[in-house]
């Protein structure tokens, strides 16, 4: 094609350019605009996504931290898988708010304002008529918002049940295999998945219905405007070209309106998930730290129960008016039948729970006036079943005292008579114990737990049925080890093994949460009371 004669004049300058130069400027300008738009869009997206991800990181971290500090009363009534689901998935609702909610709303509102301004300049009547559909859209948003939130909450709860079923089935895989219940567990999992599918289908159908309603209102609005606009053209008030341009702008106006409707429903779904997060964050700590904690003196102080009673959230009273004193350095065993309240009594000392009646003193100070961190830092705990983390032997022994040197860890292992079997492991102290310590035997796990207590070297030692799950030989060996451990601090031993209780300085006998006898083992046998009956039952 021949180049235009006389050159080309751009409106923003005085220079007249030749056609090749003008063409080059135009091409460069188009590419430059595209690159600038891409850079701005990239920066905007990176910033907003970064804000959303930072919010997600903060919410997840704070939620997990709050779960860590909530008392056992909260965790007793919940499945751990549900808490994990809230941390992993429900917390993502915050990111949805930032990335899909605020960004979409801001962009849509800017488009709406700009487009409506142009339409108003073209025809105020048609511009106002184009907004007639807005009240109907608002009614649709309000009507479906509640359903979407409710069905999203139901879906999240059902997905949590799927995770719980999978977690329970896989964590109990040894029992499942032992009893040949694989098909049963698969059926249970399939049933939970089917319920989740049905919940997902209900939510999807609600989304489809809401989308159809919005589309119908927008189509009716466009048809009404076309009808009125055609009348304007026939009356000579606007040209057909103006009407077609106006209809194009109408599409630009209705598109963000439609997007705002979908965003509102999306944020309702995100709000349902976020509500599950805030349910946890709004849970009060019923075992709070005091505002001004009393410092705990050094050394092994006396422990005193004064009229202590306790009941769980939805149950009968477990402990009734317990009063006794343990002298510094004294070892006391607590015995009784199943359900007597022995473990509950022990759980009150680290403030896993607070008594519902009375008070517990250490060094003459009410536990409620002590910092939980300092209180628990002065206690060593050996449980009936030692829980190990998925780490090395060394890391698990040092779990209660992370800064301990390897020499100290090795010394504690030797005192617990665990050093020999540890050195026989493939990587010794660096051997991974597996999830919950599955790579070790029950006796080996208990020795690791006792080594923890030796390393902690706390002035108060709490032992909860430390040998009940072991065979007789291993139990005798561990009792000798525990005897050395109990000779140092103030010790409270909970056990139903009476020969283990006999090693203590004094024995407390519980029946249905009440203290019915106390004294040395031989003295209690001569009284032929509650302890004597337990002894007779244990020894035939």
Protein backbone atom coordinates (compact mmCIF):
# COMPACT_ATOMS: atom_id res chain seq x y z
CA UNK A 1 0.00 0.00 0.00
CA UNK A 2 1.27 3.51 -0.74
CA UNK A 3 2.20 5.59 2.28
CA UNK A 4 -0.13 8.50 3.13
CA UNK A 5 0.93 11.81 1.61
CA UNK A 6 1.84 14.75 3.83
CA UNK A 7 2.87 12.65 6.84
CA UNK A 8 1.02 11.88 10.08
CA UNK A 9 0.38 14.30 12.93
CA UNK A 10 -0.17 12.94 16.49
CA UNK A 11 -2.56 15.02 18.62
CA UNK A 12 -0.17 15.29 21.59
CA UNK A 13 2.69 16.93 19.67
CA UNK A 14 3.48 19.49 16.95
CA UNK A 15 5.74 17.28 14.82
CA UNK A 16 4.49 15.73 11.61
CA UNK A 17 5.88 12.22 11.16
CA UNK A 18 6.38 10.19 8.04
CA UNK A 19 4.23 7.09 7.77
CA UNK A 20 7.06 4.58 8.54
CA UNK A 21 8.10 6.63 11.57
CA UNK A 22 4.52 6.97 12.79
CA UNK A 23 3.95 3.24 12.30
CA UNK A 24 7.10 2.45 14.28
CA UNK A 25 6.06 4.82 17.09
CA UNK A 26 2.61 3.25 17.21
CA UNK A 27 4.00 -0.29 17.37
CA UNK A 28 6.51 0.63 20.05
CA UNK A 29 3.79 2.40 22.02
CA UNK A 30 1.50 -0.63 21.84
CA UNK A 31 4.27 -2.95 23.02
CA UNK A 32 5.25 -0.48 25.74
CA UNK A 33 1.68 -0.21 27.00
CA UNK A 34 1.42 -4.00 27.06
CA UNK A 35 4.68 -4.33 28.98
CA UNK A 36 3.67 -1.62 31.44
CA UNK A 37 0.27 -3.24 31.96
CA UNK A 38 1.95 -6.61 32.49
CA UNK A 39 4.42 -5.15 34.99
CA UNK A 40 1.67 -3.37 36.93
CA UNK A 41 -0.50 -6.49 36.90
CA UNK A 42 2.43 -8.64 38.04
CA UNK A 43 3.27 -6.22 40.86
CA UNK A 44 -0.38 -6.00 41.92
CA UNK A 45 -0.85 -9.77 41.84
CA UNK A 46 2.42 -10.43 43.67
CA UNK A 47 1.56 -7.86 46.34
CA UNK A 48 -2.00 -9.05 46.90
CA UNK A 49 -1.14 -12.74 46.81
CA UNK A 50 1.76 -12.03 49.14
CA UNK A 51 -0.58 -10.26 51.54
CA UNK A 52 -2.98 -13.20 51.38
CA UNK A 53 -0.24 -15.75 51.97
CA UNK A 54 1.18 -13.73 54.86
CA UNK A 55 -2.29 -13.58 56.37
CA UNK A 56 -2.63 -17.35 55.91
CA UNK A 57 0.75 -17.92 57.55
CA UNK A 58 -0.18 -15.73 60.49
CA UNK A 59 -3.62 -17.27 61.03
CA UNK A 60 -2.31 -20.83 60.75
CA UNK A 61 0.54 -20.12 63.15
CA UNK A 62 -1.66 -18.34 65.69
CA UNK A 63 -4.34 -21.03 65.45
CA UNK A 64 -1.81 -23.82 66.02
CA UNK A 65 -0.19 -21.88 68.86
CA UNK A 66 -3.58 -21.31 70.48
CA UNK A 67 -4.38 -25.01 70.18
CA UNK A 68 -1.06 -25.83 71.84
CA UNK A 69 -1.83 -23.64 74.84
CA UNK A 70 -5.50 -24.58 75.28
CA UNK A 71 -6.02 -26.87 78.30
CA UNK A 72 -6.68 -30.59 78.03
CA UNK A 73 -10.36 -30.05 78.81
CA UNK A 74 -10.70 -28.55 75.31
CA UNK A 75 -8.82 -31.37 73.58
CA UNK A 76 -10.59 -34.12 75.53
CA UNK A 77 -13.85 -33.39 73.73
CA UNK A 78 -12.41 -33.10 70.22
CA UNK A 79 -10.79 -35.30 67.63
CA UNK A 80 -7.24 -34.25 66.87
CA UNK A 81 -7.96 -34.70 63.15
CA UNK A 82 -10.66 -32.00 63.34
CA UNK A 83 -8.17 -29.56 64.84
CA UNK A 84 -5.65 -30.49 62.12
CA UNK A 85 -8.30 -29.88 59.43
CA UNK A 86 -9.00 -26.43 60.82
CA UNK A 87 -5.30 -25.55 60.79
CA UNK A 88 -4.62 -26.97 57.32
CA UNK A 89 -7.80 -26.16 55.37
CA UNK A 90 -10.23 -23.88 57.20
CA UNK A 91 -7.48 -21.31 57.71
CA UNK A 92 -7.18 -20.98 53.92
CA UNK A 93 -10.44 -19.01 53.99
CA UNK A 94 -8.38 -15.99 55.05
CA UNK A 95 -6.37 -16.19 51.83
CA UNK A 96 -9.63 -16.40 49.86
CA UNK A 97 -10.76 -13.15 51.44
CA UNK A 98 -7.63 -11.34 50.34
CA UNK A 99 -6.96 -12.92 46.94
CA UNK A 100 -10.49 -13.40 45.63
CA UNK A 101 -12.58 -11.12 47.79
CA UNK A 102 -10.99 -7.72 48.17
CA UNK A 103 -9.19 -7.77 44.81
CA UNK A 104 -12.32 -8.68 42.86
CA UNK A 105 -14.52 -6.23 44.73
CA UNK A 106 -12.09 -3.35 44.24
CA UNK A 107 -11.64 -4.05 40.52
CA UNK A 108 -15.36 -4.52 39.92
CA UNK A 109 -16.30 -1.31 41.74
CA UNK A 110 -13.78 0.73 39.74
CA UNK A 111 -15.11 -0.75 36.49
CA UNK A 112 -18.70 -0.06 37.57
CA UNK A 113 -18.04 3.59 38.40
CA UNK A 114 -16.10 4.28 35.21
CA UNK A 115 -18.58 2.50 32.95
CA UNK A 116 -21.63 4.11 34.54
CA UNK A 117 -20.05 7.56 34.16
CA UNK A 118 -19.67 7.03 30.40
CA UNK A 119 -23.22 5.64 30.12
CA UNK A 120 -24.61 8.64 32.04
CA UNK A 121 -22.93 10.99 29.60
CA UNK A 122 -24.52 9.13 26.69
CA UNK A 123 -28.07 8.79 28.11
CA UNK A 124 -29.04 9.52 31.73
CA UNK A 125 -32.39 7.77 31.25
CA UNK A 126 -30.90 4.52 29.98
CA UNK A 127 -28.09 4.71 32.55
CA UNK A 128 -30.60 4.86 35.41
CA UNK A 129 -32.68 2.11 33.81
CA UNK A 130 -29.60 -0.12 33.66
CA UNK A 131 -29.43 0.02 37.47
CA UNK A 132 -33.01 -1.18 37.91
CA UNK A 133 -31.73 -4.75 38.10
CA UNK A 134 -29.51 -4.02 41.14
CA UNK A 135 -32.25 -4.43 43.83
CA UNK A 136 -33.17 -7.83 42.40
CA UNK A 137 -29.51 -8.86 42.42
CA UNK A 138 -29.24 -7.79 46.06
CA UNK A 139 -32.27 -9.90 46.97
CA UNK A 140 -30.74 -12.91 45.20
CA UNK A 141 -27.41 -12.39 46.98
CA UNK A 142 -29.08 -12.19 50.39
CA UNK A 143 -31.35 -15.17 49.71
CA UNK A 144 -28.58 -17.53 48.61
CA UNK A 145 -25.83 -16.25 50.94
CA UNK A 146 -27.26 -17.99 54.01
CA UNK A 147 -27.71 -21.28 52.16
CA UNK A 148 -24.19 -21.18 50.75
CA UNK A 149 -22.67 -20.46 54.17
CA UNK A 150 -24.69 -23.25 55.82
CA UNK A 151 -23.89 -25.81 53.12
CA UNK A 152 -20.21 -24.82 53.05
CA UNK A 153 -20.01 -25.32 56.83
CA UNK A 154 -21.65 -28.73 56.43
CA UNK A 155 -19.18 -29.65 53.69
CA UNK A 156 -16.18 -28.57 55.78
CA UNK A 157 -17.43 -30.62 58.73
CA UNK A 158 -17.96 -33.64 56.50
CA UNK A 159 -14.51 -33.30 54.92
CA UNK A 160 -13.12 -33.19 58.46
CA UNK A 161 -14.93 -36.49 59.14
CA UNK A 162 -13.26 -38.00 56.06
CA UNK A 163 -9.85 -36.98 57.39
CA UNK A 164 -10.74 -38.34 60.84
CA UNK A 165 -11.78 -41.71 59.43
CA UNK A 166 -8.62 -42.00 57.33
CA UNK A 167 -6.43 -40.93 60.26
CA UNK A 168 -8.03 -43.40 62.67
CA UNK A 169 -7.89 -46.29 60.22
CA UNK A 170 -4.25 -45.73 59.30
CA UNK A 171 -3.00 -44.94 62.82
CA UNK A 172 -4.62 -48.20 64.00
CA UNK A 173 -3.33 -50.25 61.08
CA UNK A 174 -1.78 -52.92 63.33
CA UNK A 175 -5.13 -53.60 64.99
CA UNK A 176 -6.90 -53.53 61.62
CA UNK A 177 -4.52 -56.14 60.19
CA UNK A 178 -4.56 -58.22 63.36
CA UNK A 179 -8.35 -58.64 63.25
CA UNK A 180 -8.68 -58.72 59.47
CA UNK A 181 -10.92 -55.63 59.42
CA UNK A 182 -9.52 -54.04 56.26
CA UNK A 183 -12.81 -54.34 54.34
CA UNK A 184 -14.75 -52.93 57.29
CA UNK A 185 -12.49 -49.88 57.50
CA UNK A 186 -12.72 -49.37 53.73
CA UNK A 187 -16.53 -49.46 53.94
CA UNK A 188 -16.52 -46.90 56.75
CA UNK A 189 -14.20 -44.63 54.78
CA UNK A 190 -16.30 -45.02 51.62
CA UNK A 191 -19.40 -44.07 53.62
CA UNK A 192 -17.77 -40.89 54.91
CA UNK A 193 -16.59 -40.03 51.39
CA UNK A 194 -20.13 -40.56 50.10
CA UNK A 195 -21.50 -38.18 52.72
CA UNK A 196 -18.88 -35.60 51.70
CA UNK A 197 -19.83 -36.09 48.05
CA UNK A 198 -23.50 -35.49 48.84
CA UNK A 199 -22.65 -32.33 50.79
CA UNK A 200 -20.47 -31.14 47.90
CA UNK A 201 -23.26 -31.87 45.42
CA UNK A 202 -25.78 -29.87 47.45
CA UNK A 203 -23.42 -26.90 47.56
CA UNK A 204 -22.72 -27.19 43.82
CA UNK A 205 -26.43 -27.25 42.98
CA UNK A 206 -27.00 -24.17 45.13
CA UNK A 207 -24.18 -22.41 43.27
CA UNK A 208 -25.70 -23.39 39.91
CA UNK A 209 -29.15 -22.17 40.97
CA UNK A 210 -27.79 -18.85 42.23
CA UNK A 211 -25.82 -18.35 39.01
CA UNK A 212 -28.95 -19.03 36.94
CA UNK A 213 -30.99 -16.50 38.94
CA UNK A 214 -28.36 -13.78 38.52
CA UNK A 215 -28.08 -14.48 34.79
CA UNK A 216 -31.86 -14.32 34.42
CA UNK A 217 -32.10 -10.92 36.12
CA UNK A 218 -29.27 -9.52 33.98
CA UNK A 219 -30.88 -10.84 30.80
CA UNK A 220 -34.21 -9.26 31.75
CA UNK A 221 -32.45 -5.98 32.49
CA UNK A 222 -30.70 -6.01 29.13
CA UNK A 223 -33.96 -6.85 27.31
CA UNK A 224 -35.79 -4.00 29.08
CA UNK A 225 -33.06 -1.54 28.22
CA UNK A 226 -33.01 -2.69 24.59
CA UNK A 227 -36.78 -2.15 24.41
CA UNK A 228 -36.58 1.38 25.82
CA UNK A 229 -33.48 2.16 23.78
CA UNK A 230 -35.19 1.11 20.57
CA UNK A 231 -37.98 3.55 21.43
CA UNK A 232 -35.39 6.29 21.88
CA UNK A 233 -33.95 5.53 18.44
CA UNK A 234 -37.39 5.53 16.82
CA UNK A 235 -38.15 8.86 18.50
CA UNK A 236 -34.94 10.29 17.07
CA UNK A 237 -33.44 10.97 20.50
CA UNK A 238 -30.38 8.80 19.77
CA UNK A 239 -28.88 7.04 16.80
CA UNK A 240 -28.73 3.29 16.27
CA UNK A 241 -24.95 3.48 16.54
CA UNK A 242 -25.23 5.22 19.91
CA UNK A 243 -27.60 2.49 21.10
CA UNK A 244 -25.21 -0.26 20.01
CA UNK A 245 -22.32 1.48 21.78
CA UNK A 246 -24.51 1.90 24.88
CA UNK A 247 -25.37 -1.82 24.83
CA UNK A 248 -21.67 -2.62 24.65
CA UNK A 249 -21.12 -0.48 27.74
CA UNK A 250 -24.09 -2.21 29.38
CA UNK A 251 -22.27 -5.52 29.00
CA UNK A 252 -19.24 -3.91 30.65
CA UNK A 253 -21.52 -2.72 33.48
CA UNK A 254 -23.30 -6.03 34.06
CA UNK A 255 -20.13 -8.13 33.97
CA UNK A 256 -18.72 -6.69 37.25
CA UNK A 257 -22.21 -6.80 38.79
CA UNK A 258 -22.32 -10.50 38.02
CA UNK A 259 -18.79 -10.92 39.35
CA UNK A 260 -19.69 -9.09 42.56
CA UNK A 261 -22.59 -11.50 43.12
CA UNK A 262 -20.34 -14.54 42.71
CA UNK A 263 -17.68 -12.97 44.92
CA UNK A 264 -20.23 -12.27 47.66
CA UNK A 265 -21.24 -15.94 47.66
CA UNK A 266 -17.63 -17.08 47.53
CA UNK A 267 -16.86 -14.95 50.56
CA UNK A 268 -19.88 -16.39 52.36
CA UNK A 269 -18.38 -19.84 51.83
CA UNK A 270 -15.02 -18.59 53.04
CA UNK A 271 -16.74 -17.04 56.06
CA UNK A 272 -18.21 -20.44 56.96
CA UNK A 273 -14.72 -21.94 57.00
CA UNK A 274 -13.30 -18.93 58.83
CA UNK A 275 -15.99 -19.32 61.48
CA UNK A 276 -14.59 -22.76 62.31
CA UNK A 277 -11.22 -21.10 62.87
CA UNK A 278 -12.66 -18.40 65.12
CA UNK A 279 -14.58 -21.02 67.12
CA UNK A 280 -11.18 -22.18 68.34
CA UNK A 281 -9.66 -18.72 68.72
CA UNK A 282 -12.69 -17.59 70.73
CA UNK A 283 -12.44 -20.53 73.14
CA UNK A 284 -11.48 -19.20 76.58
CA UNK A 285 -8.58 -20.76 78.46
CA UNK A 286 -10.15 -22.18 81.63
CA UNK A 287 -6.69 -22.85 83.11
CA UNK A 288 -5.22 -19.37 82.69
CA UNK A 289 -1.87 -18.07 83.86
CA UNK A 290 -2.12 -15.52 86.68
CA UNK A 291 -1.67 -11.87 85.76
CA UNK A 292 1.12 -11.58 88.33
CA UNK A 293 2.72 -15.00 88.81
CA UNK A 294 4.41 -15.80 92.11
CA UNK A 295 8.00 -17.03 91.61
CA UNK A 296 8.50 -20.61 92.73
CA UNK A 297 11.36 -21.10 95.22
CA UNK A 298 14.13 -23.53 94.32
CA UNK A 299 14.25 -27.04 95.71
CA UNK A 300 11.80 -29.87 96.26
CA UNK A 301 8.91 -28.25 98.05
CA UNK A 302 6.02 -29.85 99.88
CA UNK A 303 2.81 -30.68 98.00
CA UNK A 304 -0.48 -30.13 99.79
CA UNK A 305 -4.07 -30.88 98.75
CA UNK A 306 -6.68 -28.90 100.69
CA UNK A 307 -10.27 -30.07 100.22
CA UNK A 308 -9.72 -30.78 96.53
CA UNK A 309 -12.69 -31.84 94.43
CA UNK A 310 -12.89 -32.25 90.67
CA UNK A 311 -15.48 -33.05 88.02
CA UNK A 312 -15.13 -33.21 84.25
CA UNK A 313 -17.23 -30.95 82.04
CA UNK A 314 -20.15 -33.36 81.57
CA UNK A 315 -19.78 -35.94 84.28
CA UNK A 316 -20.07 -36.80 87.93
CA UNK A 317 -17.58 -35.64 90.51
CA UNK A 318 -14.37 -37.67 90.23
CA UNK A 319 -12.50 -36.46 93.33
CA UNK A 320 -14.16 -35.62 96.65
CA UNK A 321 -12.66 -33.43 99.38
CA UNK A 322 -9.08 -34.74 99.14
CA UNK A 323 -6.72 -33.43 101.80
CA UNK A 324 -3.16 -34.69 102.33
CA UNK A 325 0.42 -33.44 102.40
CA UNK A 326 3.61 -34.79 100.80
CA UNK A 327 6.84 -33.71 102.49
CA UNK A 328 9.85 -32.50 100.46
CA UNK A 329 11.76 -35.52 99.14
CA UNK A 330 9.04 -37.98 100.17
CA UNK A 331 7.74 -40.63 97.76
CA UNK A 332 4.00 -41.32 97.90
CA UNK A 333 2.08 -43.97 95.96
CA UNK A 334 -1.60 -43.59 95.07
CA UNK A 335 -3.51 -46.85 94.64
CA UNK A 336 -7.12 -47.82 94.11
CA UNK A 337 -9.44 -49.66 91.81
CA UNK A 338 -10.34 -48.69 88.27
CA UNK A 339 -12.15 -45.34 88.23
CA UNK A 340 -10.94 -44.35 91.68
CA UNK A 341 -9.56 -41.04 90.35
CA UNK A 342 -5.82 -41.79 90.55
CA UNK A 343 -4.81 -40.41 87.15
CA UNK A 344 -7.12 -37.42 87.56
CA UNK A 345 -5.39 -36.59 90.85
CA UNK A 346 -2.00 -36.71 89.13
CA UNK A 347 -3.25 -34.53 86.24
CA UNK A 348 -4.05 -31.68 88.62
CA UNK A 349 -0.42 -31.14 89.64
CA UNK A 350 0.86 -29.93 86.22
CA UNK A 351 -2.41 -27.95 85.91
CA UNK A 352 -3.68 -29.99 83.00
CA UNK A 353 -6.92 -29.20 84.83
CA UNK A 354 -7.78 -26.99 87.78
CA UNK A 355 -9.72 -28.38 90.75
CA UNK A 356 -13.38 -27.46 90.82
CA UNK A 357 -13.17 -27.28 94.63
CA UNK A 358 -10.37 -26.62 97.09
CA UNK A 359 -6.78 -25.85 96.19
CA UNK A 360 -3.35 -27.44 95.70
CA UNK A 361 -0.23 -25.87 97.18
CA UNK A 362 3.45 -26.25 96.31
CA UNK A 363 5.89 -24.48 98.62
CA UNK A 364 2.74 -23.11 100.26
CA UNK A 365 1.71 -21.35 97.03
CA UNK A 366 -1.59 -22.07 95.27
CA UNK A 367 -0.92 -23.58 91.84
CA UNK A 368 -3.27 -21.00 90.30
CA UNK A 369 -0.80 -18.29 91.33
CA UNK A 370 2.12 -19.95 89.55
CA UNK A 371 3.17 -19.66 85.93
CA UNK A 372 2.27 -22.88 84.12
CA UNK A 373 5.59 -22.84 82.28
CA UNK A 374 7.61 -22.52 85.49
CA UNK A 375 5.43 -25.05 87.33
CA UNK A 376 5.78 -27.69 84.62
CA UNK A 377 9.47 -26.89 84.28
CA UNK A 378 9.89 -28.07 87.90
CA UNK A 379 8.17 -31.40 87.26
CA UNK A 380 9.24 -34.61 85.58
CA UNK A 381 6.53 -36.85 84.15
CA UNK A 382 6.58 -40.52 83.16
CA UNK A 383 3.32 -41.76 81.66
CA UNK A 384 1.80 -45.21 81.38
CA UNK A 385 2.59 -45.16 77.67
CA UNK A 386 5.51 -42.94 76.75
CA UNK A 387 4.70 -40.80 73.71
CA UNK A 388 7.69 -40.29 71.43
CA UNK A 389 7.98 -37.76 68.63
CA UNK A 390 9.02 -38.70 65.11
CA UNK A 391 12.68 -37.88 65.63
CA UNK A 392 15.89 -39.45 66.85
CA UNK A 393 16.47 -41.19 70.18
CA UNK A 394 18.66 -38.29 71.27
CA UNK A 395 16.00 -35.70 70.41
CA UNK A 396 13.35 -37.63 72.31
CA UNK A 397 15.43 -37.99 75.48
CA UNK A 398 16.22 -34.27 75.36
CA UNK A 399 12.61 -33.28 74.57
CA UNK A 400 12.04 -31.85 78.05
CA UNK A 401 15.46 -30.18 78.14
CA UNK A 402 16.46 -29.21 74.58
CA UNK A 403 19.73 -27.54 75.54
CA UNK A 404 21.22 -30.64 77.17
CA UNK A 405 24.64 -31.78 75.96
CA UNK A 406 25.17 -35.23 74.48
CA UNK A 407 27.19 -36.20 77.56
CA UNK A 408 24.20 -35.38 79.80
CA UNK A 409 21.82 -37.26 77.49
CA UNK A 410 24.09 -40.30 77.50
CA UNK A 411 24.36 -40.17 81.31
CA UNK A 412 20.56 -40.06 81.66
CA UNK A 413 20.20 -43.02 79.27
CA UNK A 414 22.70 -45.03 81.32
CA UNK A 415 20.83 -44.24 84.54
CA UNK A 416 17.62 -45.42 82.90
CA UNK A 417 19.45 -48.58 81.70
CA UNK A 418 18.59 -47.59 78.14
CA UNK A 419 22.13 -47.06 76.90
CA UNK A 420 22.73 -50.70 76.01
CA UNK A 421 19.75 -51.11 73.69
CA UNK A 422 20.28 -47.63 72.19
CA UNK A 423 23.84 -48.49 71.15
CA UNK A 424 22.46 -51.63 69.51
CA UNK A 425 20.20 -49.59 67.21
CA UNK A 426 21.35 -49.00 63.59
CA UNK A 427 22.44 -45.39 64.18
CA UNK A 428 22.61 -45.45 67.96
CA UNK A 429 21.37 -42.21 69.48
CA UNK A 430 20.70 -40.84 65.97
CA UNK A 431 18.26 -43.63 65.10
CA UNK A 432 14.80 -42.39 64.12
CA UNK A 433 12.12 -43.88 66.38
CA UNK A 434 9.28 -43.45 63.85
CA UNK A 435 5.85 -41.96 64.43
CA UNK A 436 4.91 -42.29 68.11
CA UNK A 437 8.01 -44.47 68.58
CA UNK A 438 6.72 -47.46 66.59
CA UNK A 439 10.29 -48.60 65.82
CA UNK A 440 10.87 -49.38 69.51
CA UNK A 441 9.31 -51.92 71.85
CA UNK A 442 7.08 -50.88 74.76
CA UNK A 443 9.87 -51.44 77.27
CA UNK A 444 12.32 -49.44 75.18
CA UNK A 445 9.89 -46.55 74.91
CA UNK A 446 9.40 -46.57 78.68
CA UNK A 447 13.16 -46.47 79.24
CA UNK A 448 13.35 -43.44 76.93
CA UNK A 449 10.60 -41.83 79.02
CA UNK A 450 12.48 -42.57 82.25
CA UNK A 451 15.70 -41.22 80.70
CA UNK A 452 13.79 -38.00 79.99
CA UNK A 453 12.91 -37.78 83.68
CA UNK A 454 16.53 -38.42 84.75
CA UNK A 455 17.72 -35.70 82.36
CA UNK A 456 15.04 -33.26 83.54
CA UNK A 457 16.19 -33.83 87.15
CA UNK A 458 13.14 -31.93 88.39
CA UNK A 459 12.37 -31.46 92.10
CA UNK A 460 8.93 -33.07 91.64
CA UNK A 461 8.46 -36.40 89.88
CA UNK A 462 5.06 -37.64 88.67
CA UNK A 463 4.72 -41.29 87.66
CA UNK A 464 1.46 -42.51 86.07
CA UNK A 465 1.33 -46.32 85.87
CA UNK A 466 4.87 -46.41 84.42
CA UNK A 467 5.12 -50.24 84.34
CA UNK A 468 1.52 -51.41 83.88
CA UNK A 469 1.89 -52.37 80.20
CA UNK A 470 5.16 -54.28 80.61
CA UNK A 471 5.99 -57.92 81.14
CA UNK A 472 7.12 -59.10 84.58
CA UNK A 473 10.86 -59.21 83.77
CA UNK A 474 10.94 -55.77 82.19
CA UNK A 475 8.80 -54.42 85.01
CA UNK A 476 11.21 -55.65 87.68
CA UNK A 477 14.13 -54.06 85.83
CA UNK A 478 12.31 -50.75 85.45
CA UNK A 479 11.16 -50.74 89.07
CA UNK A 480 14.80 -50.89 90.14
CA UNK A 481 15.52 -47.93 87.86
CA UNK A 482 12.49 -46.05 89.15
CA UNK A 483 13.62 -46.72 92.71
CA UNK A 484 16.81 -44.77 92.00
CA UNK A 485 14.83 -42.03 90.27
CA UNK A 486 12.34 -41.74 93.15
CA UNK A 487 15.09 -41.37 95.74
CA UNK A 488 15.90 -37.84 94.54
CA UNK A 489 12.81 -35.63 94.26
CA UNK A 490 9.37 -35.40 95.81
CA UNK A 491 7.55 -38.23 94.05
CA UNK A 492 3.91 -39.07 93.42
CA UNK A 493 3.43 -42.54 91.95
CA UNK A 494 0.06 -43.66 90.57
CA UNK A 495 -0.11 -47.43 90.20
CA UNK A 496 -2.30 -50.48 90.58
CA UNK A 497 0.79 -52.69 91.03
CA UNK A 498 0.91 -52.96 94.81
CA UNK A 499 4.45 -54.34 94.94
CA UNK A 500 5.52 -51.14 93.16
CA UNK A 501 3.53 -49.06 95.66
CA UNK A 502 5.33 -50.83 98.53
CA UNK A 503 8.58 -49.15 97.46
CA UNK A 504 7.13 -45.73 98.33
CA UNK A 505 7.49 -44.05 101.73
CA UNK A 506 3.72 -43.78 102.07
CA UNK A 507 0.60 -45.06 100.31
CA UNK A 508 -2.70 -43.25 99.70
CA UNK A 509 -5.73 -45.45 98.99
CA UNK A 510 -8.59 -44.00 96.92
CA UNK A 511 -12.11 -45.35 96.56
CA UNK A 512 -14.54 -43.55 94.24
CA UNK A 513 -12.50 -40.38 94.47
CA UNK A 514 -12.23 -40.36 98.26
CA UNK A 515 -9.12 -40.86 100.38
CA UNK A 516 -10.03 -43.81 102.60
CA UNK A 517 -6.62 -44.90 103.94
CA UNK A 518 -3.02 -43.74 104.11
CA UNK A 519 0.15 -45.09 105.65
CA UNK A 520 3.02 -47.48 104.99
CA UNK A 521 2.24 -50.65 103.09
CA UNK A 522 2.82 -53.08 105.96
CA UNK A 523 0.76 -50.96 108.33
CA UNK A 524 -2.15 -50.83 105.90
CA UNK A 525 -2.11 -54.61 105.47
CA UNK A 526 -2.46 -55.11 109.21
CA UNK A 527 -5.56 -52.88 109.24
CA UNK A 528 -7.35 -55.30 106.88
CA UNK A 529 -9.16 -52.41 105.19
CA UNK A 530 -9.34 -51.13 101.61
CA UNK A 531 -5.65 -51.68 100.90
CA UNK A 532 -5.77 -55.20 102.31
CA UNK A 533 -8.73 -55.99 100.00
CA UNK A 534 -6.77 -54.71 97.00
CA UNK A 535 -3.79 -56.84 98.08
CA UNK A 536 -5.95 -59.93 98.43
CA UNK A 537 -7.49 -59.38 95.00
CA UNK A 538 -4.08 -58.89 93.40
CA UNK A 539 -2.49 -61.94 95.04
CA UNK A 540 -5.41 -64.34 94.88
